[in-house]
Amino acid sequence: MKLHTKILLGLVVGAAAGAAMNLSLGGEHAAVAAVNHYVAGPVGQIFLRLLFMVVMPLVFASVALGVAGIGDVRRVGKMAGKTLAYFLGTTGLAATMGLVLVNLIRPGSRITPEIRGGLLEAYAGDASVKIDAAQSTTFGIDTFVGIVTRNPLRSAVDGDMLGLIFFALVFGAAVTLIRRDRGETMIAFLEALNDTVTKIVEVSMRLAPYGVAGLIFGVTSRFGFVLLEPLGIYVGTVLGALSLHVGVTMSLIIAFVIGVRPLEFFARIRAAIVTAFSTSSSSATLPTNLEVAERDLGVPPKIAGFVLPLGATMCMNGTSLFEGITVIFLCQVFGVDLDLGQQVVVMVLS
């Protein structure tokens, strides 16, 4: 049985077992808490930690190797320009589609005044804390200056992905400028580091079916499927927008830009899709993405190592779409009307 099939089976078994325990005992039962605390939770967290453990060294090695392997800094700049243009374009399309759909369906407007009042009373304190925190966070020139890391080791420890990527880009570019024999030695080191980390990922992914089962069991055993009922229309809006983005926007790009049949493309990347769905993390899915891109899509390692780590941080179409819908949904829930200009700001920020 192939790995992606095992992962999907683990997802189904974990969800079914968790829902069955929730229906028979209830989400607050001591037995449910014990199983989650001593079995499902640790298994799922160990799997995620194994993946997160190698994300930073994998990002550094793949980006630096991608730049150094290309050999010409000018080619790197050209590739970076095309990559960023694609990221911005698809992210903008995703956010726009989400805002259009949430305005057509208006899931938040179906809340009754009584429920709205209860929500305002229950969450007013938490909302004010989050608003104060958001207002204290500035976005401007300092944000771009912060990308230039002072300490790449600190960036790796703190999970500062952009800072580490910047250092890897500079490091890889510098390798192309030093003496040829020393540059080849450094490239050999980066290749060895990349191969070593990739091997750790391959071994870790053998635990994926069990880790995925543990993660989804923890959710369904505590909340069952009743959790989706109050937010069913909202969830349907998000899923509908995501489906349209994948089925229309991305499929058109795959068909007319890449020149591959969309169904064939999605079949090739099914392992990455299942991993992304089960972990809900771009960083945790990055190792699988790199493996699938090189093995199943035939993408050169230099290109995959350069583009995919950037995409894991900067090209989050689904997140952009989701955040845009969520902001408008919450405004509808609490009776706040946003004009077109304000919604455009939401789209840009998301």
Protein backbone atom coordinates (compact mmCIF):
# COMPACT_ATOMS: atom_id res chain seq x y z
CA MET A 1 0.00 0.00 0.00
CA LYS A 2 1.40 3.41 -0.99
CA LEU A 3 2.15 6.02 1.65
CA HIS A 4 -0.52 8.53 0.59
CA THR A 5 -3.14 5.75 0.75
CA LYS A 6 -2.00 4.86 4.27
CA ILE A 7 -2.20 8.54 5.30
CA LEU A 8 -5.72 8.86 3.91
CA LEU A 9 -6.72 5.64 5.66
CA GLY A 10 -5.29 6.97 8.93
CA LEU A 11 -7.28 10.17 8.47
CA VAL A 12 -10.54 8.27 7.96
CA VAL A 13 -9.94 5.78 10.78
CA GLY A 14 -8.91 8.51 13.23
CA ALA A 15 -11.93 10.68 12.40
CA ALA A 16 -14.36 7.76 12.64
CA ALA A 17 -12.91 6.46 15.92
CA GLY A 18 -12.95 9.92 17.47
CA ALA A 19 -16.53 10.60 16.39
CA ALA A 20 -17.65 7.21 17.71
CA MET A 21 -16.08 7.89 21.11
CA ASN A 22 -17.66 11.34 21.19
CA LEU A 23 -21.11 9.95 20.44
CA SER A 24 -20.84 7.12 22.97
CA LEU A 25 -19.14 8.93 25.88
CA GLY A 26 -19.26 12.65 25.15
CA GLY A 27 -16.41 15.02 24.49
CA GLU A 28 -15.86 15.87 28.16
CA HIS A 29 -15.67 12.28 29.43
CA ALA A 30 -12.57 11.34 31.44
CA ALA A 31 -11.82 8.41 29.13
CA VAL A 32 -11.77 10.72 26.10
CA ALA A 33 -9.39 13.09 27.86
CA ALA A 34 -7.15 10.20 28.92
CA VAL A 35 -6.91 8.73 25.40
CA ASN A 36 -6.10 12.15 23.96
CA HIS A 37 -3.57 12.97 26.66
CA TYR A 38 -1.69 9.68 26.74
CA VAL A 39 -2.15 8.21 23.24
CA ALA A 40 -3.58 10.30 20.39
CA GLY A 41 -2.06 13.62 21.43
CA PRO A 42 1.53 12.38 21.87
CA VAL A 43 1.46 10.36 18.63
CA GLY A 44 0.22 13.35 16.63
CA GLN A 45 2.61 15.80 18.26
CA ILE A 46 5.66 13.55 17.81
CA PHE A 47 4.87 13.31 14.10
CA LEU A 48 4.53 17.09 13.76
CA ARG A 49 7.67 17.75 15.80
CA LEU A 50 9.69 15.40 13.60
CA LEU A 51 8.61 17.39 10.55
CA PHE A 52 9.14 20.81 12.14
CA MET A 53 12.55 19.66 13.40
CA VAL A 54 13.94 19.50 9.86
CA VAL A 55 12.08 22.45 8.30
CA MET A 56 14.74 25.09 9.03
CA PRO A 57 17.80 23.09 7.90
CA LEU A 58 15.83 21.89 4.87
CA VAL A 59 14.87 25.44 3.91
CA PHE A 60 18.43 26.70 4.26
CA ALA A 61 19.98 23.82 2.35
CA SER A 62 17.42 23.78 -0.47
CA VAL A 63 17.36 27.57 -1.03
CA ALA A 64 21.14 28.01 -0.80
CA LEU A 65 21.71 24.98 -3.01
CA GLY A 66 19.12 26.18 -5.50
CA VAL A 67 20.82 29.57 -5.85
CA ALA A 68 24.37 28.19 -5.87
CA GLY A 69 23.45 25.44 -8.32
CA ILE A 70 22.05 27.92 -10.84
CA GLY A 71 25.47 29.51 -10.91
CA ASP A 72 24.51 32.90 -12.34
CA VAL A 73 23.19 35.54 -9.94
CA ARG A 74 21.40 37.27 -12.82
CA ARG A 75 19.41 34.11 -13.54
CA VAL A 76 18.47 33.95 -9.86
CA GLY A 77 17.12 37.50 -10.03
CA LYS A 78 15.07 36.69 -13.13
CA MET A 79 13.64 33.56 -11.52
CA ALA A 80 12.86 35.44 -8.30
CA GLY A 81 10.97 38.10 -10.26
CA LYS A 82 8.81 35.53 -12.03
CA THR A 83 8.24 33.65 -8.78
CA LEU A 84 7.11 36.73 -6.85
CA ALA A 85 4.85 37.84 -9.72
CA TYR A 86 3.17 34.43 -9.70
CA PHE A 87 2.81 34.47 -5.90
CA LEU A 88 1.21 37.93 -5.86
CA GLY A 89 -1.07 37.15 -8.80
CA THR A 90 -2.50 33.89 -7.48
CA THR A 91 -2.81 35.23 -3.93
CA GLY A 92 -4.72 38.28 -5.19
CA LEU A 93 -7.06 36.08 -7.24
CA ALA A 94 -7.70 33.84 -4.22
CA ALA A 95 -8.51 36.77 -1.91
CA THR A 96 -10.81 38.33 -4.52
CA MET A 97 -12.72 35.09 -5.04
CA GLY A 98 -13.20 34.70 -1.29
CA LEU A 99 -14.55 38.23 -0.86
CA VAL A 100 -16.94 37.86 -3.79
CA LEU A 101 -18.37 34.60 -2.45
CA VAL A 102 -18.75 35.79 1.16
CA ASN A 103 -20.63 38.87 -0.04
CA LEU A 104 -22.95 36.79 -2.22
CA ILE A 105 -23.76 34.20 0.47
CA ARG A 106 -23.45 36.47 3.54
CA PRO A 107 -23.14 33.62 6.09
CA GLY A 108 -22.74 35.97 9.07
CA SER A 109 -26.02 37.80 8.43
CA ARG A 110 -28.02 34.72 9.43
CA ILE A 111 -27.17 35.18 13.12
CA THR A 112 -30.16 36.22 15.23
CA PRO A 113 -29.98 39.41 17.33
CA GLU A 114 -30.13 37.34 20.53
CA ILE A 115 -27.13 35.23 19.54
CA ARG A 116 -25.28 38.31 18.34
CA GLY A 117 -25.82 39.97 21.72
CA GLY A 118 -24.60 36.89 23.54
CA LEU A 119 -21.46 36.74 21.42
CA LEU A 120 -20.74 40.40 22.04
CA GLU A 121 -21.15 39.91 25.78
CA ALA A 122 -19.08 36.72 25.90
CA TYR A 123 -16.17 37.78 23.73
CA ALA A 124 -15.96 41.54 24.20
CA GLY A 125 -13.00 41.20 26.58
CA ASP A 126 -11.03 38.82 24.35
CA ALA A 127 -11.76 40.95 21.32
CA SER A 128 -10.43 44.11 22.98
CA VAL A 129 -7.19 42.33 23.93
CA LYS A 130 -6.67 41.13 20.34
CA ILE A 131 -7.49 44.58 18.95
CA ASP A 132 -4.91 46.19 21.26
CA ALA A 133 -2.33 43.60 20.20
CA ALA A 134 -3.07 44.19 16.53
CA GLN A 135 -2.81 47.96 16.93
CA SER A 136 0.58 47.60 18.60
CA THR A 137 1.87 45.66 15.57
CA THR A 138 3.15 47.99 12.87
CA PHE A 139 3.60 47.18 9.20
CA GLY A 140 5.90 49.40 7.22
CA ILE A 141 9.52 49.90 6.34
CA ASP A 142 10.61 48.21 9.59
CA THR A 143 8.93 45.01 8.40
CA PHE A 144 11.10 44.91 5.29
CA VAL A 145 14.22 45.88 7.23
CA GLY A 146 13.51 43.00 9.62
CA ILE A 147 13.80 40.51 6.76
CA VAL A 148 17.55 41.20 6.77
CA THR A 149 18.38 39.03 9.75
CA ARG A 150 21.05 40.05 12.25
CA ASN A 151 21.67 36.49 13.35
CA PRO A 152 20.75 33.60 11.03
CA LEU A 153 21.12 31.08 13.85
CA ARG A 154 18.64 33.05 15.94
CA SER A 155 16.28 33.19 12.96
CA ALA A 156 16.46 29.40 12.68
CA VAL A 157 15.81 28.93 16.41
CA ASP A 158 12.94 31.44 16.51
CA GLY A 159 11.29 30.12 13.35
CA ASP A 160 11.92 33.34 11.43
CA MET A 161 11.43 31.81 8.00
CA LEU A 162 11.87 35.01 5.97
CA GLY A 163 15.10 35.89 7.78
CA LEU A 164 16.52 32.42 7.18
CA ILE A 165 15.47 32.45 3.52
CA PHE A 166 17.16 35.83 3.04
CA PHE A 167 20.39 34.50 4.56
CA ALA A 168 20.18 31.37 2.39
CA LEU A 169 19.71 33.52 -0.73
CA VAL A 170 22.74 35.65 0.16
CA PHE A 171 24.78 32.57 1.09
CA GLY A 172 23.96 30.78 -2.15
CA ALA A 173 24.71 33.88 -4.23
CA ALA A 174 28.06 34.30 -2.45
CA VAL A 175 28.99 30.70 -3.26
CA THR A 176 28.75 31.54 -6.96
CA LEU A 177 31.22 34.41 -6.52
CA ILE A 178 34.06 32.63 -4.71
CA ARG A 179 36.82 30.51 -6.26
CA ARG A 180 35.46 27.65 -8.36
CA ASP A 181 37.14 24.84 -6.39
CA ARG A 182 35.92 26.21 -3.04
CA GLY A 183 32.48 26.85 -4.47
CA GLU A 184 32.23 23.24 -5.62
CA THR A 185 33.24 22.09 -2.13
CA MET A 186 30.50 24.21 -0.57
CA ILE A 187 27.91 22.96 -3.08
CA ALA A 188 28.92 19.38 -2.23
CA PHE A 189 28.38 20.17 1.46
CA LEU A 190 24.95 21.68 0.78
CA GLU A 191 23.99 18.65 -1.31
CA ALA A 192 25.07 16.32 1.50
CA LEU A 193 23.12 18.38 4.05
CA ASN A 194 20.04 18.41 1.80
CA ASP A 195 20.24 14.64 1.22
CA THR A 196 20.66 13.98 4.95
CA VAL A 197 17.68 16.10 5.94
CA THR A 198 15.58 14.59 3.15
CA LYS A 199 16.38 11.11 4.46
CA ILE A 200 15.17 12.17 7.93
CA VAL A 201 11.94 13.35 6.30
CA GLU A 202 11.49 10.02 4.49
CA VAL A 203 11.87 8.11 7.75
CA SER A 204 9.57 10.52 9.61
CA MET A 205 6.86 10.18 6.96
CA ARG A 206 6.55 6.49 7.79
CA LEU A 207 4.83 7.66 10.98
CA ALA A 208 2.43 9.89 9.03
CA PRO A 209 -0.57 7.50 9.00
CA TYR A 210 -0.40 7.15 12.79
CA GLY A 211 0.32 10.84 13.40
CA VAL A 212 -2.54 11.94 11.17
CA ALA A 213 -4.91 9.49 12.88
CA GLY A 214 -3.90 10.85 16.28
CA LEU A 215 -4.36 14.48 15.26
CA ILE A 216 -7.81 14.04 13.72
CA PHE A 217 -8.90 11.74 16.56
CA GLY A 218 -8.16 14.52 19.05
CA VAL A 219 -10.51 16.89 17.23
CA THR A 220 -13.45 14.58 16.53
CA SER A 221 -13.37 12.88 19.95
CA ARG A 222 -13.71 16.20 21.78
CA PHE A 223 -16.12 18.02 19.49
CA GLY A 224 -17.63 15.38 17.20
CA PHE A 225 -19.21 16.70 14.05
CA VAL A 226 -21.55 18.99 15.98
CA LEU A 227 -18.79 21.60 16.03
CA LEU A 228 -19.47 22.39 12.39
CA GLU A 229 -23.22 22.92 12.77
CA PRO A 230 -23.21 26.56 14.04
CA LEU A 231 -20.59 27.48 11.45
CA GLY A 232 -21.82 25.21 8.68
CA ILE A 233 -22.65 27.97 6.22
CA TYR A 234 -19.39 29.76 6.95
CA VAL A 235 -17.40 26.54 6.52
CA GLY A 236 -19.31 25.82 3.31
CA THR A 237 -18.45 29.28 2.00
CA VAL A 238 -14.76 28.78 2.73
CA LEU A 239 -14.71 25.29 1.22
CA GLY A 240 -16.67 26.48 -1.81
CA ALA A 241 -14.24 29.33 -2.42
CA LEU A 242 -11.26 27.00 -1.99
CA SER A 243 -12.81 24.50 -4.40
CA LEU A 244 -13.43 27.21 -6.98
CA HIS A 245 -9.88 28.49 -6.62
CA VAL A 246 -8.44 25.01 -7.13
CA GLY A 247 -10.98 23.83 -9.70
CA VAL A 248 -11.07 27.01 -11.80
CA THR A 249 -8.15 29.38 -11.15
CA MET A 250 -5.39 26.85 -10.51
CA SER A 251 -6.74 24.37 -13.06
CA LEU A 252 -6.66 27.02 -15.80
CA ILE A 253 -3.08 27.90 -14.87
CA ILE A 254 -2.09 24.22 -14.89
CA ALA A 255 -3.78 23.60 -18.24
CA PHE A 256 -2.75 26.70 -20.19
CA VAL A 257 0.49 27.81 -18.53
CA ILE A 258 2.06 24.48 -17.54
CA GLY A 259 0.40 22.49 -20.33
CA VAL A 260 -0.64 19.53 -18.18
CA ARG A 261 -4.12 18.12 -17.65
CA PRO A 262 -5.32 19.29 -14.20
CA LEU A 263 -6.57 15.85 -13.12
CA GLU A 264 -3.24 14.28 -14.04
CA PHE A 265 -1.38 17.01 -12.14
CA PHE A 266 -3.48 16.61 -8.99
CA ALA A 267 -3.07 12.83 -9.16
CA ARG A 268 0.71 13.24 -9.20
CA ILE A 269 0.72 15.50 -6.14
CA ARG A 270 -1.83 13.55 -4.09
CA ALA A 271 0.74 12.73 -1.39
CA ALA A 272 1.37 16.44 -0.86
CA ILE A 273 -2.38 17.18 -0.84
CA VAL A 274 -3.10 14.57 1.84
CA THR A 275 -0.17 15.75 3.97
CA ALA A 276 -1.27 19.38 3.69
CA PHE A 277 -4.87 18.51 4.57
CA SER A 278 -3.90 16.46 7.61
CA THR A 279 -1.25 18.80 9.06
CA SER A 280 -2.76 22.19 8.06
CA SER A 281 0.78 23.55 7.91
CA SER A 282 2.78 24.84 4.95
CA SER A 283 6.03 24.28 6.84
CA ALA A 284 5.16 20.73 7.85
CA THR A 285 4.16 19.94 4.26
CA LEU A 286 7.30 21.48 2.72
CA PRO A 287 9.44 18.31 2.93
CA THR A 288 6.74 16.30 1.15
CA ASN A 289 6.28 19.06 -1.44
CA LEU A 290 9.97 19.01 -2.30
CA GLU A 291 9.99 15.23 -2.65
CA VAL A 292 6.83 15.18 -4.80
CA ALA A 293 8.00 18.05 -7.02
CA GLU A 294 11.30 16.35 -7.82
CA ARG A 295 10.14 12.73 -7.94
CA ASP A 296 6.61 12.92 -9.38
CA LEU A 297 6.63 16.18 -11.34
CA GLY A 298 10.18 16.08 -12.62
CA VAL A 299 11.02 19.58 -11.36
CA PRO A 300 14.80 20.13 -11.27
CA PRO A 301 16.08 20.15 -7.66
CA LYS A 302 17.61 23.60 -8.18
CA ILE A 303 14.22 25.07 -9.15
CA ALA A 304 12.22 23.19 -6.50
CA GLY A 305 14.71 24.09 -3.78
CA PHE A 306 14.48 27.76 -4.67
CA VAL A 307 10.74 28.20 -5.29
CA LEU A 308 8.99 25.89 -2.82
CA PRO A 309 10.53 27.21 0.44
CA LEU A 310 9.60 30.73 -0.68
CA GLY A 311 6.09 29.54 -1.51
CA ALA A 312 5.66 27.93 1.91
CA THR A 313 6.09 31.38 3.46
CA MET A 314 4.90 33.86 0.84
CA CYS A 315 2.38 32.05 -1.41
CA MET A 316 -0.48 31.08 0.88
CA ASN A 317 -3.48 31.30 -1.45
CA GLY A 318 -5.76 29.34 0.87
CA THR A 319 -4.78 31.40 3.92
CA SER A 320 -5.36 34.66 2.04
CA LEU A 321 -8.78 33.48 0.85
CA PHE A 322 -9.72 32.18 4.30
CA GLU A 323 -8.65 35.34 6.13
CA GLY A 324 -10.59 37.59 3.76
CA ILE A 325 -13.75 35.52 4.20
CA THR A 326 -13.29 35.35 7.98
CA VAL A 327 -12.95 39.12 8.41
CA ILE A 328 -16.10 39.82 6.38
CA PHE A 329 -17.96 36.98 8.12
CA LEU A 330 -17.15 38.38 11.58
CA CYS A 331 -18.19 41.85 10.48
CA GLN A 332 -21.51 40.40 9.31
CA VAL A 333 -21.94 38.51 12.60
CA PHE A 334 -21.46 41.65 14.70
CA GLY A 335 -23.42 43.94 12.38
CA VAL A 336 -20.47 45.96 11.04
CA ASP A 337 -20.90 47.05 7.42
CA LEU A 338 -17.77 47.49 5.32
CA ASP A 339 -17.86 49.58 2.16
CA LEU A 340 -16.06 48.60 -1.04
CA GLY A 341 -12.91 50.53 -0.16
CA GLN A 342 -12.63 48.88 3.25
CA GLN A 343 -13.10 45.45 1.69
CA VAL A 344 -10.34 46.20 -0.82
CA VAL A 345 -8.07 46.98 2.15
CA VAL A 346 -9.05 43.63 3.69
CA MET A 347 -8.18 41.89 0.41
CA VAL A 348 -4.77 43.58 0.18
CA LEU A 349 -3.88 42.84 3.82
CA SER A 350 -5.01 39.22 3.58
